[in-house]
Amino acid sequence: AEKVYSKSIQKSIKEVFSNNKIDIDQLRQTASPRSVLFELLAPYNFTPSTIEDISESIDSISGKVFFSDSSADLEKKKYRLIKDRNSFLLNVVNETNNENETYFIEKGINEINFPINIKIKKLSSSADIAFNKHTIYIDADKIKYPLVLRKWRSGDWFIPFGMKGRKKLSDYFTDRKFSLKDKEDAWLLASGDDIVWIVGERNDDRFKISENTKQIISIEQIC
């Protein structure tokens, strides 16, 4: 009976868990969601009481965060489980404060490949513009170097392209239904203290090209 139970649980785990994500709809369809969660999360050092809380949160709103117990063994990684809309997201807790993670792009640099891959080039004319999610076109005279690539911080704001008023990034992320992980993964490109681009998402209206633009710069995220 124990072998049958183990085989059934392992089969369920394979069905619900992939790419560090637990599919909640699939989890609900298993014979015992709580048992699946226990067998799945115990190896990551989540305690029985925490797993019980996770099980009870299956039908709750997104945003809840649960942590594994690493107090007994400092060598063990600490994990975090985030309740998203249709899934639980499992990842290793980054003990460093990535809010201070900052990189500078000096004038004349046309490509960087860390922490993300970005290409910068001057365009000869507006005829070379091809709009897509991963490329922005800005007025070269409106930016100042070095450009700054950083994570978002509390209080950050920008003027979304096509709009006139300021918007806090926290509100923008909420409107766009960013998960906690999405927010942490987001990179900002800034000119001084001014945000030029939420990379791969939305650029700032203040840096857009106009009929008075003399030099166009394209900035592309290579995915």
C-alpha atoms as a PDB file:
ATOM      1  CA  ALA A   1       0.000   0.000   0.000  1.00  0.00           C
ATOM      2  CA  GLU A   2       2.870   2.347   0.822  1.00  0.00           C
ATOM      3  CA  LYS A   3       4.435   1.765  -2.595  1.00  0.00           C
ATOM      4  CA  VAL A   4       1.123   2.460  -4.313  1.00  0.00           C
ATOM      5  CA  TYR A   5       0.728   5.685  -2.289  1.00  0.00           C
ATOM      6  CA  SER A   6       4.264   6.822  -3.109  1.00  0.00           C
ATOM      7  CA  LYS A   7       3.838   6.066  -6.801  1.00  0.00           C
ATOM      8  CA  SER A   8       0.523   7.936  -6.909  1.00  0.00           C
ATOM      9  CA  ILE A   9       1.946  10.990  -5.125  1.00  0.00           C
ATOM     10  CA  GLN A  10       5.016  11.132  -7.380  1.00  0.00           C
ATOM     11  CA  LYS A  11       2.756  10.941 -10.435  1.00  0.00           C
ATOM     12  CA  SER A  12       0.672  13.824  -9.076  1.00  0.00           C
ATOM     13  CA  ILE A  13       3.791  15.884  -8.354  1.00  0.00           C
ATOM     14  CA  LYS A  14       4.930  15.489 -11.965  1.00  0.00           C
ATOM     15  CA  GLU A  15       1.507  16.642 -13.158  1.00  0.00           C
ATOM     16  CA  VAL A  16       1.318  19.760 -10.987  1.00  0.00           C
ATOM     17  CA  PHE A  17       4.961  20.887 -10.667  1.00  0.00           C
ATOM     18  CA  SER A  18       7.284  22.117 -13.418  1.00  0.00           C
ATOM     19  CA  ASN A  19       9.695  25.023 -13.878  1.00  0.00           C
ATOM     20  CA  ASN A  20       9.452  25.822 -10.142  1.00  0.00           C
ATOM     21  CA  LYS A  21       5.721  26.402 -10.495  1.00  0.00           C
ATOM     22  CA  ILE A  22       2.822  24.499  -8.897  1.00  0.00           C
ATOM     23  CA  ASP A  23      -0.285  24.619 -11.077  1.00  0.00           C
ATOM     24  CA  ILE A  24      -3.209  25.229  -8.703  1.00  0.00           C
ATOM     25  CA  ASP A  25      -5.904  23.951 -11.081  1.00  0.00           C
ATOM     26  CA  GLN A  26      -3.982  20.707 -11.535  1.00  0.00           C
ATOM     27  CA  LEU A  27      -3.383  20.511  -7.785  1.00  0.00           C
ATOM     28  CA  ARG A  28      -7.116  20.752  -7.061  1.00  0.00           C
ATOM     29  CA  GLN A  29      -7.721  17.750  -9.317  1.00  0.00           C
ATOM     30  CA  THR A  30      -5.425  15.450  -7.343  1.00  0.00           C
ATOM     31  CA  ALA A  31      -6.869  12.988  -4.825  1.00  0.00           C
ATOM     32  CA  SER A  32      -5.238  14.804  -1.895  1.00  0.00           C
ATOM     33  CA  PRO A  33      -3.808  18.289  -2.596  1.00  0.00           C
ATOM     34  CA  ARG A  34      -2.499  18.539   0.974  1.00  0.00           C
ATOM     35  CA  SER A  35      -0.548  15.266   0.671  1.00  0.00           C
ATOM     36  CA  VAL A  36       0.894  16.337  -2.677  1.00  0.00           C
ATOM     37  CA  LEU A  37       2.012  19.657  -1.203  1.00  0.00           C
ATOM     38  CA  PHE A  38       3.576  17.931   1.795  1.00  0.00           C
ATOM     39  CA  GLU A  39       5.592  15.463  -0.282  1.00  0.00           C
ATOM     40  CA  LEU A  40       6.549  18.182  -2.755  1.00  0.00           C
ATOM     41  CA  LEU A  41       7.575  20.905  -0.303  1.00  0.00           C
ATOM     42  CA  ALA A  42       9.048  18.952   2.620  1.00  0.00           C
ATOM     43  CA  PRO A  43      12.353  18.373   0.739  1.00  0.00           C
ATOM     44  CA  TYR A  44      12.647  22.165   0.432  1.00  0.00           C
ATOM     45  CA  ASN A  45      12.487  22.386   4.251  1.00  0.00           C
ATOM     46  CA  PHE A  46       8.968  23.772   4.575  1.00  0.00           C
ATOM     47  CA  THR A  47       7.591  22.757   7.971  1.00  0.00           C
ATOM     48  CA  PRO A  48       4.334  20.754   8.316  1.00  0.00           C
ATOM     49  CA  SER A  49       2.545  23.762   9.830  1.00  0.00           C
ATOM     50  CA  THR A  50       3.658  26.016   6.957  1.00  0.00           C
ATOM     51  CA  ILE A  51       2.558  23.420   4.399  1.00  0.00           C
ATOM     52  CA  GLU A  52      -0.809  23.278   6.164  1.00  0.00           C
ATOM     53  CA  ASP A  53      -1.099  27.072   5.790  1.00  0.00           C
ATOM     54  CA  ILE A  54      -0.151  26.770   2.116  1.00  0.00           C
ATOM     55  CA  SER A  55      -2.813  24.116   1.608  1.00  0.00           C
ATOM     56  CA  GLU A  56      -5.440  26.353   3.191  1.00  0.00           C
ATOM     57  CA  SER A  57      -4.422  29.247   0.927  1.00  0.00           C
ATOM     58  CA  ILE A  58      -5.197  27.424  -2.327  1.00  0.00           C
ATOM     59  CA  ASP A  59      -8.467  29.318  -2.755  1.00  0.00           C
ATOM     60  CA  SER A  60      -7.294  32.604  -1.241  1.00  0.00           C
ATOM     61  CA  ILE A  61      -6.232  35.779  -3.034  1.00  0.00           C
ATOM     62  CA  SER A  62      -2.783  36.056  -4.604  1.00  0.00           C
ATOM     63  CA  GLY A  63       0.151  37.712  -2.890  1.00  0.00           C
ATOM     64  CA  LYS A  64       0.657  35.478   0.149  1.00  0.00           C
ATOM     65  CA  VAL A  65       4.267  34.480   0.776  1.00  0.00           C
ATOM     66  CA  PHE A  66       5.535  31.433   2.687  1.00  0.00           C
ATOM     67  CA  PHE A  67       9.122  30.702   3.740  1.00  0.00           C
ATOM     68  CA  SER A  68      10.982  27.477   4.390  1.00  0.00           C
ATOM     69  CA  ASP A  69      12.742  26.876   7.699  1.00  0.00           C
ATOM     70  CA  SER A  70      16.515  27.242   7.369  1.00  0.00           C
ATOM     71  CA  SER A  71      17.194  27.929  11.053  1.00  0.00           C
ATOM     72  CA  ALA A  72      18.239  24.366  11.829  1.00  0.00           C
ATOM     73  CA  ASP A  73      20.929  24.272   9.156  1.00  0.00           C
ATOM     74  CA  LEU A  74      22.582  27.486   8.005  1.00  0.00           C
ATOM     75  CA  GLU A  75      24.069  25.658   5.018  1.00  0.00           C
ATOM     76  CA  LYS A  76      20.627  24.992   3.586  1.00  0.00           C
ATOM     77  CA  LYS A  77      19.118  27.367   1.078  1.00  0.00           C
ATOM     78  CA  LYS A  78      16.067  29.291   2.153  1.00  0.00           C
ATOM     79  CA  TYR A  79      13.085  28.998  -0.163  1.00  0.00           C
ATOM     80  CA  ARG A  80      10.044  31.143  -0.712  1.00  0.00           C
ATOM     81  CA  LEU A  81       6.656  30.125  -2.085  1.00  0.00           C
ATOM     82  CA  ILE A  82       4.506  32.901  -3.545  1.00  0.00           C
ATOM     83  CA  LYS A  83       0.765  32.492  -4.082  1.00  0.00           C
ATOM     84  CA  ASP A  84       0.077  33.829  -7.563  1.00  0.00           C
ATOM     85  CA  ARG A  85      -3.262  33.921  -9.369  1.00  0.00           C
ATOM     86  CA  ASN A  86      -3.192  30.389 -10.787  1.00  0.00           C
ATOM     87  CA  SER A  87      -0.057  28.933  -9.291  1.00  0.00           C
ATOM     88  CA  PHE A  88       2.445  28.802  -6.450  1.00  0.00           C
ATOM     89  CA  LEU A  89       5.900  30.077  -7.444  1.00  0.00           C
ATOM     90  CA  LEU A  90       8.898  28.477  -5.730  1.00  0.00           C
ATOM     91  CA  ASN A  91      12.277  30.186  -5.686  1.00  0.00           C
ATOM     92  CA  VAL A  92      15.419  30.579  -3.624  1.00  0.00           C
ATOM     93  CA  VAL A  93      15.438  33.615  -1.356  1.00  0.00           C
ATOM     94  CA  ASN A  94      18.078  36.132  -2.380  1.00  0.00           C
ATOM     95  CA  GLU A  95      19.676  37.227   0.877  1.00  0.00           C
ATOM     96  CA  THR A  96      21.196  40.321  -0.723  1.00  0.00           C
ATOM     97  CA  ASN A  97      19.251  43.545  -1.140  1.00  0.00           C
ATOM     98  CA  ASN A  98      18.853  43.764  -4.910  1.00  0.00           C
ATOM     99  CA  GLU A  99      17.294  47.215  -4.539  1.00  0.00           C
ATOM    100  CA  ASN A 100      20.875  48.502  -4.562  1.00  0.00           C
ATOM    101  CA  GLU A 101      21.880  46.514  -7.656  1.00  0.00           C
ATOM    102  CA  THR A 102      22.990  49.202 -10.119  1.00  0.00           C
ATOM    103  CA  TYR A 103      24.946  49.206 -13.387  1.00  0.00           C
ATOM    104  CA  PHE A 104      26.160  52.152 -15.464  1.00  0.00           C
ATOM    105  CA  ILE A 105      26.233  52.453 -19.247  1.00  0.00           C
ATOM    106  CA  GLU A 106      28.743  55.056 -20.390  1.00  0.00           C
ATOM    107  CA  LYS A 107      28.395  57.083 -23.579  1.00  0.00           C
ATOM    108  CA  GLY A 108      29.789  55.191 -26.556  1.00  0.00           C
ATOM    109  CA  ILE A 109      28.923  51.757 -25.171  1.00  0.00           C
ATOM    110  CA  ASN A 110      26.668  50.074 -27.718  1.00  0.00           C
ATOM    111  CA  GLU A 111      26.042  46.745 -26.005  1.00  0.00           C
ATOM    112  CA  ILE A 112      26.011  45.164 -22.549  1.00  0.00           C
ATOM    113  CA  ASN A 113      25.303  41.535 -21.752  1.00  0.00           C
ATOM    114  CA  PHE A 114      25.060  41.644 -17.962  1.00  0.00           C
ATOM    115  CA  PRO A 115      22.801  41.689 -15.993  1.00  0.00           C
ATOM    116  CA  ILE A 116      20.643  41.698 -19.130  1.00  0.00           C
ATOM    117  CA  ASN A 117      21.510  41.983 -22.797  1.00  0.00           C
ATOM    118  CA  ILE A 118      20.902  45.453 -24.249  1.00  0.00           C
ATOM    119  CA  LYS A 119      21.983  46.998 -27.548  1.00  0.00           C
ATOM    120  CA  ILE A 120      22.119  50.747 -28.166  1.00  0.00           C
ATOM    121  CA  LYS A 121      22.524  52.316 -31.579  1.00  0.00           C
ATOM    122  CA  LYS A 122      21.994  55.581 -33.419  1.00  0.00           C
ATOM    123  CA  LEU A 123      19.538  55.572 -36.303  1.00  0.00           C
ATOM    124  CA  SER A 124      20.149  57.415 -39.526  1.00  0.00           C
ATOM    125  CA  SER A 125      16.452  58.205 -39.975  1.00  0.00           C
ATOM    126  CA  SER A 126      12.988  57.510 -38.605  1.00  0.00           C
ATOM    127  CA  ALA A 127      12.498  55.100 -41.509  1.00  0.00           C
ATOM    128  CA  ASP A 128      14.562  52.579 -39.533  1.00  0.00           C
ATOM    129  CA  ILE A 129      12.019  52.477 -36.698  1.00  0.00           C
ATOM    130  CA  ALA A 130      10.240  49.156 -36.169  1.00  0.00           C
ATOM    131  CA  PHE A 131       8.130  49.214 -33.011  1.00  0.00           C
ATOM    132  CA  ASN A 132       8.048  46.171 -30.742  1.00  0.00           C
ATOM    133  CA  LYS A 133       7.849  45.396 -27.030  1.00  0.00           C
ATOM    134  CA  HIS A 134      11.588  44.979 -26.596  1.00  0.00           C
ATOM    135  CA  THR A 135      12.790  48.134 -28.382  1.00  0.00           C
ATOM    136  CA  ILE A 136      12.330  51.816 -27.590  1.00  0.00           C
ATOM    137  CA  TYR A 137      13.261  54.893 -29.622  1.00  0.00           C
ATOM    138  CA  ILE A 138      14.300  58.029 -27.785  1.00  0.00           C
ATOM    139  CA  ASP A 139      15.578  61.525 -28.450  1.00  0.00           C
ATOM    140  CA  ALA A 140      19.353  61.494 -27.910  1.00  0.00           C
ATOM    141  CA  ASP A 141      19.335  65.102 -26.684  1.00  0.00           C
ATOM    142  CA  LYS A 142      16.938  64.281 -23.848  1.00  0.00           C
ATOM    143  CA  ILE A 143      19.164  61.790 -22.039  1.00  0.00           C
ATOM    144  CA  LYS A 144      22.334  62.222 -20.041  1.00  0.00           C
ATOM    145  CA  TYR A 145      25.110  59.720 -19.466  1.00  0.00           C
ATOM    146  CA  PRO A 146      25.913  57.455 -17.887  1.00  0.00           C
ATOM    147  CA  LEU A 147      22.599  55.677 -18.276  1.00  0.00           C
ATOM    148  CA  VAL A 148      21.669  53.653 -15.210  1.00  0.00           C
ATOM    149  CA  LEU A 149      20.320  50.112 -15.172  1.00  0.00           C
ATOM    150  CA  ARG A 150      18.796  49.298 -11.805  1.00  0.00           C
ATOM    151  CA  LYS A 151      15.977  47.706  -9.851  1.00  0.00           C
ATOM    152  CA  TRP A 152      12.877  49.643  -8.830  1.00  0.00           C
ATOM    153  CA  ARG A 153      12.632  51.381  -5.476  1.00  0.00           C
ATOM    154  CA  SER A 154       9.802  52.590  -3.306  1.00  0.00           C
ATOM    155  CA  GLY A 155       8.688  56.015  -4.520  1.00  0.00           C
ATOM    156  CA  ASP A 156       9.806  55.503  -8.133  1.00  0.00           C
ATOM    157  CA  TRP A 157       7.535  57.105 -10.713  1.00  0.00           C
ATOM    158  CA  PHE A 158       7.449  57.737 -14.442  1.00  0.00           C
ATOM    159  CA  ILE A 159       5.175  59.177 -17.131  1.00  0.00           C
ATOM    160  CA  PRO A 160       3.949  56.206 -19.192  1.00  0.00           C
ATOM    161  CA  PHE A 161       4.371  56.661 -22.940  1.00  0.00           C
ATOM    162  CA  GLY A 162       1.289  58.330 -24.409  1.00  0.00           C
ATOM    163  CA  MET A 163       0.196  59.819 -21.073  1.00  0.00           C
ATOM    164  CA  LYS A 164       0.761  63.196 -19.427  1.00  0.00           C
ATOM    165  CA  GLY A 165       0.600  62.523 -15.707  1.00  0.00           C
ATOM    166  CA  ARG A 166       2.979  60.821 -13.311  1.00  0.00           C
ATOM    167  CA  LYS A 167       2.355  57.259 -12.218  1.00  0.00           C
ATOM    168  CA  LYS A 168       4.031  55.459  -9.348  1.00  0.00           C
ATOM    169  CA  LEU A 169       5.690  52.250 -10.433  1.00  0.00           C
ATOM    170  CA  SER A 170       3.975  50.422  -7.579  1.00  0.00           C
ATOM    171  CA  ASP A 171       0.582  51.458  -9.011  1.00  0.00           C
ATOM    172  CA  TYR A 172       1.658  50.596 -12.549  1.00  0.00           C
ATOM    173  CA  PHE A 173       2.766  47.127 -11.457  1.00  0.00           C
ATOM    174  CA  THR A 174      -0.559  46.610  -9.688  1.00  0.00           C
ATOM    175  CA  ASP A 175      -2.519  47.719 -12.762  1.00  0.00           C
ATOM    176  CA  ARG A 176      -0.476  45.359 -14.921  1.00  0.00           C
ATOM    177  CA  LYS A 177      -1.049  42.533 -12.406  1.00  0.00           C
ATOM    178  CA  PHE A 178       2.663  42.002 -11.768  1.00  0.00           C
ATOM    179  CA  SER A 179       3.369  39.245  -9.263  1.00  0.00           C
ATOM    180  CA  LEU A 180       5.956  39.810  -6.531  1.00  0.00           C
ATOM    181  CA  LYS A 181       8.429  37.822  -8.631  1.00  0.00           C
ATOM    182  CA  ASP A 182       7.651  39.950 -11.719  1.00  0.00           C
ATOM    183  CA  LYS A 183       8.417  43.105  -9.731  1.00  0.00           C
ATOM    184  CA  GLU A 184      11.680  41.696  -8.429  1.00  0.00           C
ATOM    185  CA  ASP A 185      12.737  40.629 -11.919  1.00  0.00           C
ATOM    186  CA  ALA A 186      11.950  44.005 -13.517  1.00  0.00           C
ATOM    187  CA  TRP A 187      14.831  46.225 -14.647  1.00  0.00           C
ATOM    188  CA  LEU A 188      14.706  49.987 -15.085  1.00  0.00           C
ATOM    189  CA  LEU A 189      16.783  52.074 -17.462  1.00  0.00           C
ATOM    190  CA  ALA A 190      17.243  55.586 -16.123  1.00  0.00           C
ATOM    191  CA  SER A 191      18.814  58.873 -17.135  1.00  0.00           C
ATOM    192  CA  GLY A 192      19.986  60.386 -13.877  1.00  0.00           C
ATOM    193  CA  ASP A 193      17.016  60.004 -11.532  1.00  0.00           C
ATOM    194  CA  ASP A 194      14.480  59.870 -14.373  1.00  0.00           C
ATOM    195  CA  ILE A 195      13.172  56.509 -15.540  1.00  0.00           C
ATOM    196  CA  VAL A 196      13.507  56.095 -19.303  1.00  0.00           C
ATOM    197  CA  TRP A 197      12.157  52.558 -19.616  1.00  0.00           C
ATOM    198  CA  ILE A 198      10.714  49.703 -17.610  1.00  0.00           C
ATOM    199  CA  VAL A 199      12.727  47.309 -19.729  1.00  0.00           C
ATOM    200  CA  GLY A 200      10.568  45.194 -22.002  1.00  0.00           C
ATOM    201  CA  GLU A 201       7.409  46.802 -20.656  1.00  0.00           C
ATOM    202  CA  ARG A 202       6.811  50.574 -21.060  1.00  0.00           C
ATOM    203  CA  ASN A 203       8.952  53.618 -21.778  1.00  0.00           C
ATOM    204  CA  ASP A 204       8.629  57.144 -20.404  1.00  0.00           C
ATOM    205  CA  ASP A 205       6.860  59.801 -22.455  1.00  0.00           C
ATOM    206  CA  ARG A 206       9.448  62.484 -21.636  1.00  0.00           C
ATOM    207  CA  PHE A 207      12.114  60.878 -23.813  1.00  0.00           C
ATOM    208  CA  LYS A 208      10.022  60.189 -26.906  1.00  0.00           C
ATOM    209  CA  ILE A 209      11.056  61.402 -30.333  1.00  0.00           C
ATOM    210  CA  SER A 210       9.277  64.364 -31.936  1.00  0.00           C
ATOM    211  CA  GLU A 211       9.398  66.455 -35.099  1.00  0.00           C
ATOM    212  CA  ASN A 212      12.216  68.432 -33.470  1.00  0.00           C
ATOM    213  CA  THR A 213      14.372  65.374 -32.761  1.00  0.00           C
ATOM    214  CA  LYS A 214      17.798  65.603 -34.374  1.00  0.00           C
ATOM    215  CA  GLN A 215      19.189  62.211 -33.363  1.00  0.00           C
ATOM    216  CA  ILE A 216      17.244  59.026 -32.642  1.00  0.00           C
ATOM    217  CA  ILE A 217      18.646  56.299 -30.423  1.00  0.00           C
ATOM    218  CA  SER A 218      17.216  52.791 -30.337  1.00  0.00           C
ATOM    219  CA  ILE A 219      17.611  50.704 -27.199  1.00  0.00           C
ATOM    220  CA  GLU A 220      16.822  47.022 -27.616  1.00  0.00           C
ATOM    221  CA  GLN A 221      16.552  44.240 -25.084  1.00  0.00           C
ATOM    222  CA  ILE A 222      17.906  41.026 -26.590  1.00  0.00           C
ATOM    223  CA  CYS A 223      15.908  38.128 -25.157  1.00  0.00           C
END
